Amino acid sequence: MSYTLIVHIANAEPIVGEVDELPKPTDSLIILHEPRQRDGKEVPYIDRESMVAIFPIHRISFIEVITPLEEEEIIGFVRE
C-alpha cells in the first residue's frame, strides 16, 4: 500500500509525493515518488523528468499523511 505525504522542507514550499511505507524513527532519508507541489505543478528545483526524489530527514520540519477519502455509502431507492 502506498501513502501520499505532504513533506514540509525547511525554508521551502511543501512537496506532495507517494511513499511505499511510512518513515521509521531510525530512517535518515525519505524517498518520494512523483514529487510535486500541493497544486500539482512541478517543483521548480527538481528536474521535470525526475520521478523520485530523496531528501535527508534533518531538512524536514514535519510530514503530513493524507488518508484516502472513504468510499461514500450508496443509498438505493427506498420504497415506502
PDB file of N, CA and C in Angstrom:
ATOM      1  N   MET A   1       0.845  -1.164   0.000  1.00  0.00           N
ATOM      2  CA  MET A   1       0.000   0.000   0.000  1.00  0.00           C
ATOM      3  C   MET A   1       0.896   1.234   0.000  1.00  0.00           C
ATOM      4  N   SER A   2       0.607   2.178  -0.849  1.00  0.00           N
ATOM      5  CA  SER A   2       1.386   3.403  -0.857  1.00  0.00           C
ATOM      6  C   SER A   2       0.638   4.500  -0.095  1.00  0.00           C
ATOM      7  N   TYR A   3       1.398   5.432   0.422  1.00  0.00           N
ATOM      8  CA  TYR A   3       0.853   6.540   1.196  1.00  0.00           C
ATOM      9  C   TYR A   3       1.184   7.845   0.479  1.00  0.00           C
ATOM     10  N   THR A   4       0.262   8.784   0.518  1.00  0.00           N
ATOM     11  CA  THR A   4       0.515  10.115  -0.006  1.00  0.00           C
ATOM     12  C   THR A   4       0.899  11.013   1.164  1.00  0.00           C
ATOM     13  N   LEU A   5       2.036  11.709   1.017  1.00  0.00           N
ATOM     14  CA  LEU A   5       2.552  12.557   2.080  1.00  0.00           C
ATOM     15  C   LEU A   5       2.675  13.998   1.607  1.00  0.00           C
ATOM     16  N   ILE A   6       2.526  14.920   2.538  1.00  0.00           N
ATOM     17  CA  ILE A   6       2.923  16.310   2.320  1.00  0.00           C
ATOM     18  C   ILE A   6       4.151  16.511   3.191  1.00  0.00           C
ATOM     19  N   VAL A   7       5.279  16.770   2.549  1.00  0.00           N
ATOM     20  CA  VAL A   7       6.549  16.902   3.242  1.00  0.00           C
ATOM     21  C   VAL A   7       6.892  18.388   3.333  1.00  0.00           C
ATOM     22  N   HIS A   8       7.052  18.880   4.548  1.00  0.00           N
ATOM     23  CA  HIS A   8       7.392  20.286   4.785  1.00  0.00           C
ATOM     24  C   HIS A   8       8.894  20.380   4.995  1.00  0.00           C
ATOM     25  N   ILE A   9       9.581  20.890   3.970  1.00  0.00           N
ATOM     26  CA  ILE A   9      11.030  21.010   3.994  1.00  0.00           C
ATOM     27  C   ILE A   9      11.392  22.391   4.531  1.00  0.00           C
ATOM     28  N   ALA A  10      12.422  22.467   5.349  1.00  0.00           N
ATOM     29  CA  ALA A  10      12.857  23.737   5.934  1.00  0.00           C
ATOM     30  C   ALA A  10      13.178  24.754   4.836  1.00  0.00           C
ATOM     31  N   ASN A  11      12.621  25.953   4.965  1.00  0.00           N
ATOM     32  CA  ASN A  11      12.858  27.073   4.045  1.00  0.00           C
ATOM     33  C   ASN A  11      12.448  26.777   2.605  1.00  0.00           C
ATOM     34  N   ALA A  12      11.422  25.954   2.405  1.00  0.00           N
ATOM     35  CA  ALA A  12      10.921  25.653   1.060  1.00  0.00           C
ATOM     36  C   ALA A  12       9.419  25.374   1.145  1.00  0.00           C
ATOM     37  N   GLU A  13       8.777  25.422  -0.001  1.00  0.00           N
ATOM     38  CA  GLU A  13       7.358  25.105  -0.057  1.00  0.00           C
ATOM     39  C   GLU A  13       7.159  23.603   0.152  1.00  0.00           C
ATOM     40  N   PRO A  14       6.019  23.197   0.715  1.00  0.00           N
ATOM     41  CA  PRO A  14       5.757  21.765   0.912  1.00  0.00           C
ATOM     42  C   PRO A  14       5.694  21.012  -0.421  1.00  0.00           C
ATOM     43  N   ILE A  15       6.054  19.752  -0.356  1.00  0.00           N
ATOM     44  CA  ILE A  15       6.045  18.879  -1.532  1.00  0.00           C
ATOM     45  C   ILE A  15       5.132  17.699  -1.242  1.00  0.00           C
ATOM     46  N   VAL A  16       4.359  17.312  -2.242  1.00  0.00           N
ATOM     47  CA  VAL A  16       3.485  16.140  -2.140  1.00  0.00           C
ATOM     48  C   VAL A  16       4.143  15.006  -2.905  1.00  0.00           C
ATOM     49  N   GLY A  17       4.034  13.799  -2.375  1.00  0.00           N
ATOM     50  CA  GLY A  17       4.569  12.636  -3.067  1.00  0.00           C
ATOM     51  C   GLY A  17       4.085  11.359  -2.413  1.00  0.00           C
ATOM     52  N   GLU A  18       4.369  10.256  -3.057  1.00  0.00           N
ATOM     53  CA  GLU A  18       3.960   8.953  -2.552  1.00  0.00           C
ATOM     54  C   GLU A  18       5.177   8.201  -2.024  1.00  0.00           C
ATOM     55  N   VAL A  19       4.932   7.412  -0.989  1.00  0.00           N
ATOM     56  CA  VAL A  19       5.956   6.515  -0.444  1.00  0.00           C
ATOM     57  C   VAL A  19       5.338   5.127  -0.305  1.00  0.00           C
ATOM     58  N   ASP A  20       6.198   4.100  -0.366  1.00  0.00           N
ATOM     59  CA  ASP A  20       5.713   2.727  -0.225  1.00  0.00           C
ATOM     60  C   ASP A  20       5.375   2.401   1.220  1.00  0.00           C
ATOM     61  N   GLU A  21       6.153   2.957   2.149  1.00  0.00           N
ATOM     62  CA  GLU A  21       5.871   2.761   3.571  1.00  0.00           C
ATOM     63  C   GLU A  21       6.241   4.030   4.315  1.00  0.00           C
ATOM     64  N   LEU A  22       5.622   4.228   5.453  1.00  0.00           N
ATOM     65  CA  LEU A  22       5.869   5.426   6.240  1.00  0.00           C
ATOM     66  C   LEU A  22       7.284   5.402   6.815  1.00  0.00           C
ATOM     67  N   PRO A  23       7.909   6.584   6.951  1.00  0.00           N
ATOM     68  CA  PRO A  23       9.265   6.613   7.500  1.00  0.00           C
ATOM     69  C   PRO A  23       9.300   6.129   8.953  1.00  0.00           C
ATOM     70  N   LYS A  24      10.365   5.447   9.275  1.00  0.00           N
ATOM     71  CA  LYS A  24      10.560   4.947  10.645  1.00  0.00           C
ATOM     72  C   LYS A  24      11.434   5.944  11.411  1.00  0.00           C
ATOM     73  N   PRO A  25      11.404   5.902  12.726  1.00  0.00           N
ATOM     74  CA  PRO A  25      12.241   6.821  13.511  1.00  0.00           C
ATOM     75  C   PRO A  25      13.736   6.674  13.242  1.00  0.00           C
ATOM     76  N   THR A  26      14.156   5.527  12.754  1.00  0.00           N
ATOM     77  CA  THR A  26      15.582   5.295  12.502  1.00  0.00           C
ATOM     78  C   THR A  26      16.017   5.704  11.092  1.00  0.00           C
ATOM     79  N   ASP A  27      15.091   6.074  10.233  1.00  0.00           N
ATOM     80  CA  ASP A  27      15.430   6.453   8.856  1.00  0.00           C
ATOM     81  C   ASP A  27      16.173   7.779   8.826  1.00  0.00           C
ATOM     82  N   SER A  28      17.099   7.899   7.895  1.00  0.00           N
ATOM     83  CA  SER A  28      17.817   9.159   7.719  1.00  0.00           C
ATOM     84  C   SER A  28      17.450   9.841   6.404  1.00  0.00           C
ATOM     85  N   LEU A  29      16.729   9.121   5.530  1.00  0.00           N
ATOM     86  CA  LEU A  29      16.288   9.651   4.238  1.00  0.00           C
ATOM     87  C   LEU A  29      14.815   9.341   4.037  1.00  0.00           C
ATOM     88  N   ILE A  30      14.155  10.153   3.201  1.00  0.00           N
ATOM     89  CA  ILE A  30      12.804   9.834   2.765  1.00  0.00           C
ATOM     90  C   ILE A  30      12.806   9.852   1.239  1.00  0.00           C
ATOM     91  N   ILE A  31      12.218   8.831   0.642  1.00  0.00           N
ATOM     92  CA  ILE A  31      12.181   8.690  -0.809  1.00  0.00           C
ATOM     93  C   ILE A  31      10.759   8.961  -1.281  1.00  0.00           C
ATOM     94  N   LEU A  32      10.582  10.051  -2.044  1.00  0.00           N
ATOM     95  CA  LEU A  32       9.263  10.437  -2.560  1.00  0.00           C
ATOM     96  C   LEU A  32       9.154  10.089  -4.029  1.00  0.00           C
ATOM     97  N   HIS A  33       8.094   9.409  -4.382  1.00  0.00           N
ATOM     98  CA  HIS A  33       7.801   9.107  -5.780  1.00  0.00           C
ATOM     99  C   HIS A  33       6.858  10.172  -6.315  1.00  0.00           C
ATOM    100  N   GLU A  34       7.071  10.587  -7.549  1.00  0.00           N
ATOM    101  CA  GLU A  34       6.267  11.606  -8.225  1.00  0.00           C
ATOM    102  C   GLU A  34       6.145  12.891  -7.399  1.00  0.00           C
ATOM    103  N   PRO A  35       7.271  13.518  -7.038  1.00  0.00           N
ATOM    104  CA  PRO A  35       7.207  14.745  -6.241  1.00  0.00           C
ATOM    105  C   PRO A  35       6.559  15.876  -7.030  1.00  0.00           C
ATOM    106  N   ARG A  36       5.720  16.662  -6.348  1.00  0.00           N
ATOM    107  CA  ARG A  36       5.020  17.771  -6.977  1.00  0.00           C
ATOM    108  C   ARG A  36       4.625  18.775  -5.908  1.00  0.00           C
ATOM    109  N   GLN A  37       4.238  19.962  -6.337  1.00  0.00           N
ATOM    110  CA  GLN A  37       3.728  20.941  -5.398  1.00  0.00           C
ATOM    111  C   GLN A  37       2.313  20.555  -5.003  1.00  0.00           C
ATOM    112  N   ARG A  38       1.787  21.219  -3.983  1.00  0.00           N
ATOM    113  CA  ARG A  38       0.452  20.874  -3.495  1.00  0.00           C
ATOM    114  C   ARG A  38      -0.622  21.079  -4.553  1.00  0.00           C
ATOM    115  N   ASP A  39      -0.407  22.016  -5.471  1.00  0.00           N
ATOM    116  CA  ASP A  39      -1.393  22.263  -6.524  1.00  0.00           C
ATOM    117  C   ASP A  39      -1.175  21.384  -7.751  1.00  0.00           C
ATOM    118  N   GLY A  40      -0.232  20.447  -7.669  1.00  0.00           N
ATOM    119  CA  GLY A  40       0.008  19.506  -8.764  1.00  0.00           C
ATOM    120  C   GLY A  40       1.064  19.967  -9.757  1.00  0.00           C
ATOM    121  N   LYS A  41       1.552  21.179  -9.622  1.00  0.00           N
ATOM    122  CA  LYS A  41       2.572  21.683 -10.541  1.00  0.00           C
ATOM    123  C   LYS A  41       3.934  21.091 -10.191  1.00  0.00           C
ATOM    124  N   GLU A  42       4.876  21.274 -11.122  1.00  0.00           N
ATOM    125  CA  GLU A  42       6.229  20.759 -10.915  1.00  0.00           C
ATOM    126  C   GLU A  42       6.946  21.558  -9.834  1.00  0.00           C
ATOM    127  N   VAL A  43       7.851  20.892  -9.133  1.00  0.00           N
ATOM    128  CA  VAL A  43       8.680  21.557  -8.130  1.00  0.00           C
ATOM    129  C   VAL A  43       9.816  22.237  -8.885  1.00  0.00           C
ATOM    130  N   PRO A  44      10.001  23.564  -8.705  1.00  0.00           N
ATOM    131  CA  PRO A  44      10.977  24.289  -9.529  1.00  0.00           C
ATOM    132  C   PRO A  44      12.423  23.800  -9.403  1.00  0.00           C
ATOM    133  N   TYR A  45      12.828  23.294  -8.253  1.00  0.00           N
ATOM    134  CA  TYR A  45      14.222  22.891  -8.082  1.00  0.00           C
ATOM    135  C   TYR A  45      14.456  21.400  -8.323  1.00  0.00           C
ATOM    136  N   ILE A  46      13.432  20.690  -8.819  1.00  0.00           N
ATOM    137  CA  ILE A  46      13.584  19.279  -9.188  1.00  0.00           C
ATOM    138  C   ILE A  46      13.367  19.170 -10.691  1.00  0.00           C
ATOM    139  N   ASP A  47      14.244  18.464 -11.373  1.00  0.00           N
ATOM    140  CA  ASP A  47      14.132  18.292 -12.818  1.00  0.00           C
ATOM    141  C   ASP A  47      12.784  17.674 -13.172  1.00  0.00           C
ATOM    142  N   ARG A  48      12.165  18.164 -14.220  1.00  0.00           N
ATOM    143  CA  ARG A  48      10.812  17.709 -14.568  1.00  0.00           C
ATOM    144  C   ARG A  48      10.742  16.244 -14.971  1.00  0.00           C
ATOM    145  N   GLU A  49      11.861  15.648 -15.341  1.00  0.00           N
ATOM    146  CA  GLU A  49      11.850  14.239 -15.729  1.00  0.00           C
ATOM    147  C   GLU A  49      12.135  13.306 -14.558  1.00  0.00           C
ATOM    148  N   SER A  50      12.409  13.864 -13.396  1.00  0.00           N
ATOM    149  CA  SER A  50      12.675  13.045 -12.211  1.00  0.00           C
ATOM    150  C   SER A  50      11.371  12.473 -11.679  1.00  0.00           C
ATOM    151  N   MET A  51      11.371  11.192 -11.409  1.00  0.00           N
ATOM    152  CA  MET A  51      10.186  10.533 -10.874  1.00  0.00           C
ATOM    153  C   MET A  51      10.344  10.210  -9.392  1.00  0.00           C
ATOM    154  N   VAL A  52      11.576  10.313  -8.880  1.00  0.00           N
ATOM    155  CA  VAL A  52      11.862  10.006  -7.484  1.00  0.00           C
ATOM    156  C   VAL A  52      12.807  11.078  -6.941  1.00  0.00           C
ATOM    157  N   ALA A  53      12.522  11.539  -5.718  1.00  0.00           N
ATOM    158  CA  ALA A  53      13.402  12.493  -5.051  1.00  0.00           C
ATOM    159  C   ALA A  53      13.729  11.946  -3.662  1.00  0.00           C
ATOM    160  N   ILE A  54      14.972  12.112  -3.245  1.00  0.00           N
ATOM    161  CA  ILE A  54      15.421  11.630  -1.948  1.00  0.00           C
ATOM    162  C   ILE A  54      15.830  12.832  -1.108  1.00  0.00           C
ATOM    163  N   PHE A  55      15.228  12.950   0.078  1.00  0.00           N
ATOM    164  CA  PHE A  55      15.508  14.075   0.962  1.00  0.00           C
ATOM    165  C   PHE A  55      16.052  13.559   2.288  1.00  0.00           C
ATOM    166  N   PRO A  56      17.041  14.261   2.866  1.00  0.00           N
ATOM    167  CA  PRO A  56      17.507  13.877   4.205  1.00  0.00           C
ATOM    168  C   PRO A  56      16.479  14.308   5.249  1.00  0.00           C
ATOM    169  N   ILE A  57      16.254  13.471   6.220  1.00  0.00           N
ATOM    170  CA  ILE A  57      15.258  13.741   7.263  1.00  0.00           C
ATOM    171  C   ILE A  57      15.595  15.016   8.032  1.00  0.00           C
ATOM    172  N   HIS A  58      16.866  15.339   8.223  1.00  0.00           N
ATOM    173  CA  HIS A  58      17.206  16.516   9.024  1.00  0.00           C
ATOM    174  C   HIS A  58      16.774  17.828   8.371  1.00  0.00           C
ATOM    175  N   ARG A  59      16.424  17.817   7.073  1.00  0.00           N
ATOM    176  CA  ARG A  59      15.931  19.015   6.382  1.00  0.00           C
ATOM    177  C   ARG A  59      14.413  19.149   6.452  1.00  0.00           C
ATOM    178  N   ILE A  60      13.735  18.134   6.992  1.00  0.00           N
ATOM    179  CA  ILE A  60      12.272  18.111   7.014  1.00  0.00           C
ATOM    180  C   ILE A  60      11.768  18.591   8.368  1.00  0.00           C
ATOM    181  N   SER A  61      10.833  19.567   8.320  1.00  0.00           N
ATOM    182  CA  SER A  61      10.232  20.077   9.558  1.00  0.00           C
ATOM    183  C   SER A  61       9.204  19.100  10.103  1.00  0.00           C
ATOM    184  N   PHE A  62       8.267  18.705   9.239  1.00  0.00           N
ATOM    185  CA  PHE A  62       7.280  17.696   9.624  1.00  0.00           C
ATOM    186  C   PHE A  62       6.654  17.105   8.378  1.00  0.00           C
ATOM    187  N   ILE A  63       5.926  15.998   8.573  1.00  0.00           N
ATOM    188  CA  ILE A  63       5.305  15.256   7.472  1.00  0.00           C
ATOM    189  C   ILE A  63       3.831  15.059   7.790  1.00  0.00           C
ATOM    190  N   GLU A  64       2.980  15.315   6.794  1.00  0.00           N
ATOM    191  CA  GLU A  64       1.550  15.040   6.927  1.00  0.00           C
ATOM    192  C   GLU A  64       1.212  13.812   6.086  1.00  0.00           C
ATOM    193  N   VAL A  65       0.415  12.921   6.635  1.00  0.00           N
ATOM    194  CA  VAL A  65      -0.031  11.735   5.906  1.00  0.00           C
ATOM    195  C   VAL A  65      -1.457  11.989   5.453  1.00  0.00           C
ATOM    196  N   ILE A  66      -1.679  11.907   4.144  1.00  0.00           N
ATOM    197  CA  ILE A  66      -3.007  12.130   3.576  1.00  0.00           C
ATOM    198  C   ILE A  66      -3.721  10.788   3.501  1.00  0.00           C
ATOM    199  N   THR A  67      -4.870  10.711   4.148  1.00  0.00           N
ATOM    200  CA  THR A  67      -5.649   9.479   4.103  1.00  0.00           C
ATOM    201  C   THR A  67      -6.622   9.556   2.937  1.00  0.00           C
ATOM    202  N   PRO A  68      -6.805   8.466   2.223  1.00  0.00           N
ATOM    203  CA  PRO A  68      -7.753   8.486   1.107  1.00  0.00           C
ATOM    204  C   PRO A  68      -9.171   8.673   1.626  1.00  0.00           C
ATOM    205  N   LEU A  69      -9.967   9.362   0.844  1.00  0.00           N
ATOM    206  CA  LEU A  69     -11.354   9.567   1.239  1.00  0.00           C
ATOM    207  C   LEU A  69     -12.069   8.229   1.288  1.00  0.00           C
ATOM    208  N   GLU A  70     -12.810   8.051   2.346  1.00  0.00           N
ATOM    209  CA  GLU A  70     -13.542   6.797   2.465  1.00  0.00           C
ATOM    210  C   GLU A  70     -14.663   6.781   1.443  1.00  0.00           C
ATOM    211  N   GLU A  71     -14.907   5.618   0.935  1.00  0.00           N
ATOM    212  CA  GLU A  71     -15.966   5.495  -0.051  1.00  0.00           C
ATOM    213  C   GLU A  71     -17.298   5.847   0.594  1.00  0.00           C
ATOM    214  N   GLU A  72     -18.034   6.681  -0.115  1.00  0.00           N
ATOM    215  CA  GLU A  72     -19.338   7.061   0.407  1.00  0.00           C
ATOM    216  C   GLU A  72     -20.298   5.891   0.258  1.00  0.00           C
ATOM    217  N   GLU A  73     -21.173   5.777   1.240  1.00  0.00           N
ATOM    218  CA  GLU A  73     -22.174   4.728   1.144  1.00  0.00           C
ATOM    219  C   GLU A  73     -23.194   5.105   0.078  1.00  0.00           C
ATOM    220  N   ILE A  74     -23.551   4.133  -0.723  1.00  0.00           N
ATOM    221  CA  ILE A  74     -24.538   4.369  -1.753  1.00  0.00           C
ATOM    222  C   ILE A  74     -25.890   3.933  -1.210  1.00  0.00           C
ATOM    223  N   ILE A  75     -26.805   4.860  -1.185  1.00  0.00           N
ATOM    224  CA  ILE A  75     -28.140   4.553  -0.694  1.00  0.00           C
ATOM    225  C   ILE A  75     -29.050   4.383  -1.904  1.00  0.00           C
ATOM    226  N   GLY A  76     -29.620   3.215  -2.011  1.00  0.00           N
ATOM    227  CA  GLY A  76     -30.509   2.953  -3.137  1.00  0.00           C
ATOM    228  C   GLY A  76     -31.893   3.524  -2.901  1.00  0.00           C
ATOM    229  N   PHE A  77     -32.740   3.327  -3.878  1.00  0.00           N
ATOM    230  CA  PHE A  77     -34.112   3.818  -3.748  1.00  0.00           C
ATOM    231  C   PHE A  77     -34.841   2.991  -2.688  1.00  0.00           C
ATOM    232  N   VAL A  78     -35.610   3.675  -1.877  1.00  0.00           N
ATOM    233  CA  VAL A  78     -36.348   3.027  -0.812  1.00  0.00           C
ATOM    234  C   VAL A  78     -37.822   3.168  -1.123  1.00  0.00           C
ATOM    235  N   ARG A  79     -38.514   2.073  -1.106  1.00  0.00           N
ATOM    236  CA  ARG A  79     -39.957   2.105  -1.350  1.00  0.00           C
ATOM    237  C   ARG A  79     -40.679   2.054  -0.009  1.00  0.00           C
ATOM    238  N   GLU A  80     -41.548   3.022   0.196  1.00  0.00           N
ATOM    239  CA  GLU A  80     -42.297   3.059   1.460  1.00  0.00           C
ATOM    240  C   GLU A  80     -43.576   2.286   1.357  1.00  0.00           C
TER     241      GLU A  80
END
